[in-house]
Amino acid sequence: MNSYTAETSGKQSIHNALVAAGCVDGITLKKSEIKTETDIIFWHQRPPVEGGEKKTYITYEVVMTPEETDRRADNKAAVFSFEASIDIWTRLRLNDKKIKTLIENIVEQLEIEEFIINMGPDIFENDTGISHKPIEISKEIL
C-alpha cells in the first residue's frame, strides 16, 4: 500500500458512510438534478453554485495526506494514518430535529467504517445565516 491507495480507501469509507446515512453524492448529479434532489447532497471539497443554494448540504476533504505509521511488514508501511473533515452546512439550526437526526446517522455510519470521530463546535455564521457543524475524523488504513 502507498499514500495514494490509503487516501483513496479513506475517501471511499467516507463515501460509504454518507451514502449509508441516506445522503446523495453530488458528483453523480446534473445541475438540474441538484436543484430538485430532496435528499441531503454531499461533495468532496466544494459544491457547485447550485449545491451551495441547498438548504442543507455536506462537504468533506482530506485534511492531511495519509502518512505511514511505525507499523511495518516486510520493511514496508503496513498501516497509514488518514485524517479528514466532514462539514455539514445548513440554513436550519443545528438543534433542528432533522439536522440532529442527520448528524446521528452520519456518526453511526462513520463508526461502522471504523473512524475515530471528534465533533467540532456548533457554528452559526451571522453574515450568511448558515449553521456549520465540523466533524473531524481519522482512522488507520491497513
N, C-alpha and C. Protein backbone atom coordinates (compact mmCIF):
# COMPACT_ATOMS: atom_id res chain seq x y z
N MET A 1 0.84 -1.18 0.00
CA MET A 1 0.00 0.00 0.00
C MET A 1 0.89 1.24 0.00
N ASN A 2 0.39 2.29 -0.62
CA ASN A 2 1.09 3.56 -0.61
C ASN A 2 0.12 4.66 -0.17
N SER A 3 0.61 5.88 -0.09
CA SER A 3 -0.18 7.01 0.39
C SER A 3 -1.43 7.25 -0.48
N TYR A 4 -1.27 7.15 -1.79
CA TYR A 4 -2.39 7.37 -2.71
C TYR A 4 -3.48 6.32 -2.48
N THR A 5 -3.09 5.08 -2.37
CA THR A 5 -4.05 4.00 -2.15
C THR A 5 -4.76 4.18 -0.81
N ALA A 6 -4.01 4.60 0.21
CA ALA A 6 -4.61 4.83 1.53
C ALA A 6 -5.62 5.98 1.47
N GLU A 7 -5.28 7.05 0.75
CA GLU A 7 -6.20 8.18 0.63
C GLU A 7 -7.47 7.77 -0.12
N THR A 8 -7.31 7.02 -1.19
CA THR A 8 -8.47 6.55 -1.96
C THR A 8 -9.36 5.68 -1.09
N SER A 9 -8.76 4.82 -0.30
CA SER A 9 -9.52 3.95 0.60
C SER A 9 -10.26 4.77 1.65
N GLY A 10 -9.59 5.78 2.21
CA GLY A 10 -10.23 6.63 3.21
C GLY A 10 -11.41 7.40 2.63
N LYS A 11 -11.24 7.95 1.44
CA LYS A 11 -12.34 8.67 0.78
C LYS A 11 -13.51 7.74 0.51
N GLN A 12 -13.21 6.51 0.09
CA GLN A 12 -14.27 5.55 -0.19
C GLN A 12 -15.04 5.22 1.10
N SER A 13 -14.33 5.13 2.22
CA SER A 13 -15.01 4.87 3.50
C SER A 13 -15.94 6.02 3.88
N ILE A 14 -15.51 7.26 3.62
CA ILE A 14 -16.37 8.41 3.88
C ILE A 14 -17.59 8.35 2.97
N HIS A 15 -17.35 8.10 1.70
CA HIS A 15 -18.44 7.99 0.72
C HIS A 15 -19.45 6.94 1.18
N ASN A 16 -18.96 5.76 1.55
CA ASN A 16 -19.83 4.68 2.01
C ASN A 16 -20.68 5.11 3.20
N ALA A 17 -20.05 5.79 4.16
CA ALA A 17 -20.76 6.22 5.36
C ALA A 17 -21.85 7.23 5.03
N LEU A 18 -21.54 8.21 4.18
CA LEU A 18 -22.52 9.24 3.85
C LEU A 18 -23.68 8.66 3.04
N VAL A 19 -23.41 7.75 2.12
CA VAL A 19 -24.48 7.11 1.36
C VAL A 19 -25.34 6.26 2.29
N ALA A 20 -24.70 5.51 3.18
CA ALA A 20 -25.46 4.67 4.12
C ALA A 20 -26.30 5.51 5.07
N ALA A 21 -25.88 6.76 5.30
CA ALA A 21 -26.64 7.66 6.17
C ALA A 21 -27.80 8.33 5.40
N GLY A 22 -27.96 7.99 4.12
CA GLY A 22 -29.07 8.50 3.33
C GLY A 22 -28.77 9.71 2.48
N CYS A 23 -27.49 10.04 2.34
CA CYS A 23 -27.10 11.21 1.54
C CYS A 23 -26.77 10.78 0.11
N VAL A 24 -26.75 11.76 -0.79
CA VAL A 24 -26.51 11.51 -2.21
C VAL A 24 -25.21 12.18 -2.63
N ASP A 25 -24.40 11.47 -3.41
CA ASP A 25 -23.14 12.02 -3.92
C ASP A 25 -23.45 13.04 -5.01
N GLY A 26 -23.14 14.30 -4.77
CA GLY A 26 -23.45 15.36 -5.70
C GLY A 26 -22.74 15.25 -7.03
N ILE A 27 -21.60 14.57 -7.07
CA ILE A 27 -20.84 14.45 -8.31
C ILE A 27 -21.62 13.63 -9.34
N THR A 28 -22.56 12.84 -8.87
CA THR A 28 -23.33 11.99 -9.78
C THR A 28 -24.54 12.72 -10.37
N LEU A 29 -24.79 13.95 -9.93
CA LEU A 29 -26.00 14.67 -10.34
C LEU A 29 -25.71 15.76 -11.37
N LYS A 30 -26.65 15.96 -12.28
CA LYS A 30 -26.60 17.09 -13.21
C LYS A 30 -27.07 18.32 -12.45
N LYS A 31 -26.77 19.52 -13.00
CA LYS A 31 -27.17 20.76 -12.34
C LYS A 31 -28.67 20.79 -12.05
N SER A 32 -29.47 20.37 -13.00
CA SER A 32 -30.92 20.38 -12.80
C SER A 32 -31.34 19.40 -11.70
N GLU A 33 -30.63 18.29 -11.57
CA GLU A 33 -30.94 17.30 -10.54
C GLU A 33 -30.56 17.80 -9.15
N ILE A 34 -29.49 18.60 -9.08
CA ILE A 34 -29.07 19.16 -7.79
C ILE A 34 -30.20 20.01 -7.22
N LYS A 35 -30.81 20.81 -8.08
CA LYS A 35 -31.88 21.71 -7.63
C LYS A 35 -33.11 20.95 -7.14
N THR A 36 -33.40 19.81 -7.75
CA THR A 36 -34.63 19.08 -7.41
C THR A 36 -34.43 17.95 -6.40
N GLU A 37 -33.19 17.57 -6.13
CA GLU A 37 -32.92 16.47 -5.20
C GLU A 37 -33.41 16.83 -3.80
N THR A 38 -34.18 15.94 -3.20
CA THR A 38 -34.73 16.21 -1.87
C THR A 38 -33.88 15.63 -0.74
N ASP A 39 -33.03 14.65 -1.05
CA ASP A 39 -32.13 14.12 -0.02
C ASP A 39 -30.95 15.06 0.14
N ILE A 40 -30.25 14.94 1.26
CA ILE A 40 -29.07 15.75 1.52
C ILE A 40 -27.97 15.32 0.55
N ILE A 41 -27.32 16.29 -0.07
CA ILE A 41 -26.28 16.02 -1.06
C ILE A 41 -24.91 16.30 -0.43
N PHE A 42 -23.90 15.49 -0.81
CA PHE A 42 -22.54 15.75 -0.34
C PHE A 42 -21.58 15.85 -1.52
N TRP A 43 -20.49 16.58 -1.27
CA TRP A 43 -19.44 16.75 -2.27
C TRP A 43 -18.08 16.63 -1.60
N HIS A 44 -17.12 16.12 -2.37
CA HIS A 44 -15.72 16.17 -1.93
C HIS A 44 -15.25 17.59 -2.21
N GLN A 45 -14.82 18.27 -1.21
CA GLN A 45 -14.35 19.66 -1.21
C GLN A 45 -15.49 20.64 -1.40
N ARG A 46 -15.61 21.32 -2.52
CA ARG A 46 -16.61 22.39 -2.67
C ARG A 46 -17.77 21.97 -3.56
N PRO A 47 -18.97 22.40 -3.19
CA PRO A 47 -20.11 22.13 -4.06
C PRO A 47 -20.14 23.13 -5.21
N PRO A 48 -20.83 22.79 -6.30
CA PRO A 48 -21.04 23.79 -7.33
C PRO A 48 -22.00 24.85 -6.79
N VAL A 49 -22.18 25.93 -7.50
CA VAL A 49 -23.05 27.02 -7.05
C VAL A 49 -24.43 26.49 -6.66
N GLU A 50 -24.99 25.61 -7.47
CA GLU A 50 -26.33 25.06 -7.19
C GLU A 50 -26.35 24.33 -5.85
N GLY A 51 -25.26 23.67 -5.52
CA GLY A 51 -25.20 22.94 -4.26
C GLY A 51 -25.21 23.86 -3.06
N GLY A 52 -24.49 24.97 -3.16
CA GLY A 52 -24.44 25.93 -2.07
C GLY A 52 -25.77 26.62 -1.82
N GLU A 53 -26.69 26.50 -2.77
CA GLU A 53 -28.01 27.09 -2.61
C GLU A 53 -28.98 26.16 -1.90
N LYS A 54 -28.58 24.90 -1.67
CA LYS A 54 -29.45 23.95 -0.97
C LYS A 54 -29.62 24.38 0.49
N LYS A 55 -30.74 23.98 1.09
CA LYS A 55 -30.99 24.32 2.49
C LYS A 55 -29.95 23.65 3.39
N THR A 56 -29.59 22.41 3.06
CA THR A 56 -28.58 21.67 3.82
C THR A 56 -27.73 20.87 2.83
N TYR A 57 -26.42 20.90 3.03
CA TYR A 57 -25.52 20.09 2.20
C TYR A 57 -24.27 19.76 3.02
N ILE A 58 -23.48 18.84 2.51
CA ILE A 58 -22.30 18.35 3.21
C ILE A 58 -21.09 18.43 2.28
N THR A 59 -19.95 18.80 2.84
CA THR A 59 -18.69 18.72 2.12
C THR A 59 -17.71 17.90 2.97
N TYR A 60 -16.75 17.30 2.31
CA TYR A 60 -15.68 16.64 3.06
C TYR A 60 -14.37 16.82 2.31
N GLU A 61 -13.29 16.78 3.05
CA GLU A 61 -11.98 16.88 2.44
C GLU A 61 -10.93 16.18 3.30
N VAL A 62 -9.91 15.71 2.64
CA VAL A 62 -8.78 15.10 3.34
C VAL A 62 -7.98 16.24 3.95
N VAL A 63 -7.75 16.15 5.25
CA VAL A 63 -7.03 17.20 5.97
C VAL A 63 -5.53 17.03 5.81
N MET A 64 -5.10 15.79 5.78
CA MET A 64 -3.67 15.52 5.71
C MET A 64 -3.45 14.28 4.84
N THR A 65 -2.50 14.34 3.94
CA THR A 65 -2.17 13.18 3.12
C THR A 65 -1.81 12.03 4.05
N PRO A 66 -2.36 10.85 3.80
CA PRO A 66 -2.07 9.72 4.68
C PRO A 66 -0.57 9.52 4.89
N GLU A 67 -0.21 9.32 6.14
CA GLU A 67 1.18 9.13 6.50
C GLU A 67 1.40 7.72 7.01
N GLU A 68 2.59 7.21 6.76
CA GLU A 68 2.96 5.90 7.26
C GLU A 68 3.02 5.94 8.78
N THR A 69 2.58 4.86 9.40
CA THR A 69 2.76 4.72 10.84
C THR A 69 4.03 3.89 11.06
N ASP A 70 4.34 3.64 12.29
CA ASP A 70 5.52 2.83 12.61
C ASP A 70 5.27 1.34 12.39
N ARG A 71 4.03 0.97 12.16
CA ARG A 71 3.70 -0.44 11.95
C ARG A 71 4.11 -0.85 10.54
N ARG A 72 4.98 -1.87 10.45
CA ARG A 72 5.54 -2.25 9.17
C ARG A 72 5.44 -3.77 8.98
N ALA A 73 5.46 -4.17 7.70
CA ALA A 73 5.52 -5.58 7.33
C ALA A 73 6.43 -5.69 6.12
N ASP A 74 7.34 -6.60 6.15
CA ASP A 74 8.31 -6.76 5.05
C ASP A 74 9.01 -5.44 4.73
N ASN A 75 9.32 -4.69 5.78
CA ASN A 75 10.03 -3.41 5.67
C ASN A 75 9.26 -2.35 4.88
N LYS A 76 7.93 -2.52 4.74
CA LYS A 76 7.07 -1.53 4.08
C LYS A 76 6.00 -1.09 5.07
N ALA A 77 5.50 0.11 4.86
CA ALA A 77 4.43 0.60 5.73
C ALA A 77 3.23 -0.34 5.63
N ALA A 78 2.76 -0.80 6.75
CA ALA A 78 1.60 -1.70 6.78
C ALA A 78 0.33 -0.94 7.11
N VAL A 79 0.48 0.22 7.74
CA VAL A 79 -0.67 1.00 8.18
C VAL A 79 -0.42 2.47 7.89
N PHE A 80 -1.44 3.13 7.38
CA PHE A 80 -1.38 4.56 7.13
C PHE A 80 -2.41 5.26 8.01
N SER A 81 -2.05 6.43 8.49
CA SER A 81 -2.95 7.27 9.27
C SER A 81 -3.68 8.21 8.31
N PHE A 82 -5.01 8.22 8.37
CA PHE A 82 -5.84 9.02 7.46
C PHE A 82 -6.68 10.00 8.29
N GLU A 83 -6.68 11.28 7.89
CA GLU A 83 -7.47 12.30 8.58
C GLU A 83 -8.28 13.10 7.58
N ALA A 84 -9.52 13.40 7.94
CA ALA A 84 -10.40 14.17 7.06
C ALA A 84 -11.36 14.99 7.90
N SER A 85 -12.05 15.89 7.22
CA SER A 85 -13.06 16.72 7.86
C SER A 85 -14.35 16.63 7.06
N ILE A 86 -15.44 16.42 7.76
CA ILE A 86 -16.77 16.45 7.16
C ILE A 86 -17.45 17.68 7.71
N ASP A 87 -18.04 18.47 6.83
CA ASP A 87 -18.69 19.71 7.26
C ASP A 87 -20.15 19.71 6.81
N ILE A 88 -21.03 19.90 7.77
CA ILE A 88 -22.46 19.99 7.48
C ILE A 88 -22.83 21.46 7.49
N TRP A 89 -23.44 21.92 6.41
CA TRP A 89 -23.83 23.31 6.23
C TRP A 89 -25.35 23.35 6.11
N THR A 90 -26.00 24.21 6.87
CA THR A 90 -27.46 24.25 6.81
C THR A 90 -28.01 25.63 7.14
N ARG A 91 -29.13 25.93 6.52
CA ARG A 91 -29.84 27.17 6.84
C ARG A 91 -30.81 26.93 8.00
N LEU A 92 -30.91 25.68 8.44
CA LEU A 92 -31.68 25.34 9.64
C LEU A 92 -30.75 25.48 10.84
N ARG A 93 -31.30 25.47 12.01
CA ARG A 93 -30.48 25.46 13.22
C ARG A 93 -29.95 24.04 13.44
N LEU A 94 -28.78 23.94 14.04
CA LEU A 94 -28.18 22.62 14.26
C LEU A 94 -28.97 21.79 15.27
N ASN A 95 -29.81 22.44 16.07
CA ASN A 95 -30.64 21.67 17.01
C ASN A 95 -31.98 21.29 16.41
N ASP A 96 -32.21 21.60 15.14
CA ASP A 96 -33.40 21.17 14.42
C ASP A 96 -33.43 19.64 14.40
N LYS A 97 -34.58 19.04 14.61
CA LYS A 97 -34.69 17.58 14.70
C LYS A 97 -34.13 16.90 13.45
N LYS A 98 -34.41 17.42 12.28
CA LYS A 98 -33.93 16.83 11.03
C LYS A 98 -32.39 16.83 10.98
N ILE A 99 -31.79 17.92 11.40
CA ILE A 99 -30.33 18.04 11.37
C ILE A 99 -29.70 17.15 12.45
N LYS A 100 -30.29 17.13 13.63
CA LYS A 100 -29.76 16.25 14.69
C LYS A 100 -29.79 14.79 14.24
N THR A 101 -30.89 14.39 13.60
CA THR A 101 -31.01 13.01 13.11
C THR A 101 -29.97 12.74 12.03
N LEU A 102 -29.78 13.70 11.13
CA LEU A 102 -28.76 13.56 10.08
C LEU A 102 -27.39 13.34 10.70
N ILE A 103 -27.03 14.18 11.66
CA ILE A 103 -25.72 14.07 12.31
C ILE A 103 -25.58 12.72 13.01
N GLU A 104 -26.62 12.29 13.72
CA GLU A 104 -26.59 10.99 14.40
C GLU A 104 -26.38 9.86 13.40
N ASN A 105 -27.09 9.91 12.27
CA ASN A 105 -26.95 8.86 11.25
C ASN A 105 -25.55 8.84 10.65
N ILE A 106 -25.00 10.01 10.39
CA ILE A 106 -23.65 10.09 9.83
C ILE A 106 -22.63 9.53 10.82
N VAL A 107 -22.73 9.94 12.08
CA VAL A 107 -21.80 9.45 13.10
C VAL A 107 -21.90 7.93 13.23
N GLU A 108 -23.10 7.41 13.23
CA GLU A 108 -23.29 5.96 13.32
C GLU A 108 -22.60 5.24 12.16
N GLN A 109 -22.75 5.75 10.97
CA GLN A 109 -22.14 5.13 9.80
C GLN A 109 -20.61 5.29 9.80
N LEU A 110 -20.12 6.43 10.27
CA LEU A 110 -18.68 6.61 10.39
C LEU A 110 -18.08 5.62 11.38
N GLU A 111 -18.80 5.35 12.45
CA GLU A 111 -18.34 4.36 13.43
C GLU A 111 -18.29 2.96 12.80
N ILE A 112 -19.27 2.64 11.97
CA ILE A 112 -19.27 1.35 11.28
C ILE A 112 -18.04 1.26 10.36
N GLU A 113 -17.66 2.37 9.76
CA GLU A 113 -16.47 2.41 8.90
C GLU A 113 -15.17 2.53 9.72
N GLU A 114 -15.28 2.45 11.04
CA GLU A 114 -14.16 2.42 11.99
C GLU A 114 -13.38 3.73 12.07
N PHE A 115 -14.08 4.85 11.90
CA PHE A 115 -13.44 6.15 12.09
C PHE A 115 -13.46 6.54 13.56
N ILE A 116 -12.43 7.25 13.98
CA ILE A 116 -12.43 7.93 15.27
C ILE A 116 -13.03 9.31 14.99
N ILE A 117 -13.98 9.72 15.78
CA ILE A 117 -14.77 10.91 15.49
C ILE A 117 -14.55 11.97 16.56
N ASN A 118 -14.31 13.19 16.11
CA ASN A 118 -14.19 14.33 17.01
C ASN A 118 -15.16 15.40 16.52
N MET A 119 -16.24 15.59 17.26
CA MET A 119 -17.26 16.57 16.88
C MET A 119 -16.75 17.97 17.17
N GLY A 120 -16.78 18.83 16.16
CA GLY A 120 -16.39 20.22 16.34
C GLY A 120 -17.52 21.01 16.96
N PRO A 121 -17.28 22.28 17.24
CA PRO A 121 -18.30 23.12 17.86
C PRO A 121 -19.41 23.48 16.86
N ASP A 122 -20.58 23.78 17.39
CA ASP A 122 -21.66 24.30 16.56
C ASP A 122 -21.32 25.75 16.22
N ILE A 123 -21.38 26.07 14.94
CA ILE A 123 -21.01 27.41 14.49
C ILE A 123 -22.19 28.01 13.73
N PHE A 124 -22.50 29.27 14.04
CA PHE A 124 -23.52 30.00 13.28
C PHE A 124 -22.86 31.22 12.67
N GLU A 125 -22.97 31.34 11.36
CA GLU A 125 -22.36 32.47 10.66
C GLU A 125 -23.42 33.55 10.48
N ASN A 126 -23.32 34.61 11.28
CA ASN A 126 -24.32 35.67 11.26
C ASN A 126 -24.50 36.32 9.89
N ASP A 127 -23.40 36.52 9.19
CA ASP A 127 -23.48 37.23 7.91
C ASP A 127 -24.20 36.44 6.82
N THR A 128 -24.15 35.10 6.87
CA THR A 128 -24.80 34.27 5.85
C THR A 128 -26.07 33.59 6.36
N GLY A 129 -26.22 33.52 7.68
CA GLY A 129 -27.37 32.82 8.25
C GLY A 129 -27.23 31.31 8.14
N ILE A 130 -26.00 30.82 7.96
CA ILE A 130 -25.77 29.39 7.80
C ILE A 130 -25.15 28.82 9.07
N SER A 131 -25.69 27.69 9.50
CA SER A 131 -25.10 26.94 10.61
C SER A 131 -24.12 25.92 10.03
N HIS A 132 -23.07 25.64 10.79
CA HIS A 132 -21.98 24.78 10.32
C HIS A 132 -21.58 23.84 11.44
N LYS A 133 -21.52 22.55 11.13
CA LYS A 133 -21.07 21.55 12.09
C LYS A 133 -19.87 20.81 11.50
N PRO A 134 -18.65 21.11 11.99
CA PRO A 134 -17.49 20.35 11.52
C PRO A 134 -17.34 19.05 12.31
N ILE A 135 -16.95 18.01 11.60
CA ILE A 135 -16.69 16.71 12.22
C ILE A 135 -15.33 16.25 11.73
N GLU A 136 -14.38 16.17 12.63
CA GLU A 136 -13.03 15.70 12.29
C GLU A 136 -13.00 14.19 12.48
N ILE A 137 -12.44 13.49 11.50
CA ILE A 137 -12.40 12.03 11.58
C ILE A 137 -11.00 11.53 11.24
N SER A 138 -10.69 10.36 11.77
CA SER A 138 -9.41 9.73 11.45
C SER A 138 -9.56 8.22 11.56
N LYS A 139 -8.67 7.52 10.91
CA LYS A 139 -8.64 6.07 11.05
C LYS A 139 -7.30 5.56 10.53
N GLU A 140 -6.98 4.37 10.93
CA GLU A 140 -5.81 3.70 10.40
C GLU A 140 -6.27 2.84 9.23
N ILE A 141 -5.54 2.95 8.14
CA ILE A 141 -5.88 2.18 6.94
C ILE A 141 -4.81 1.12 6.74
N LEU A 142 -5.24 -0.12 6.72
CA LEU A 142 -4.32 -1.26 6.60
C LEU A 142 -4.03 -1.59 5.15
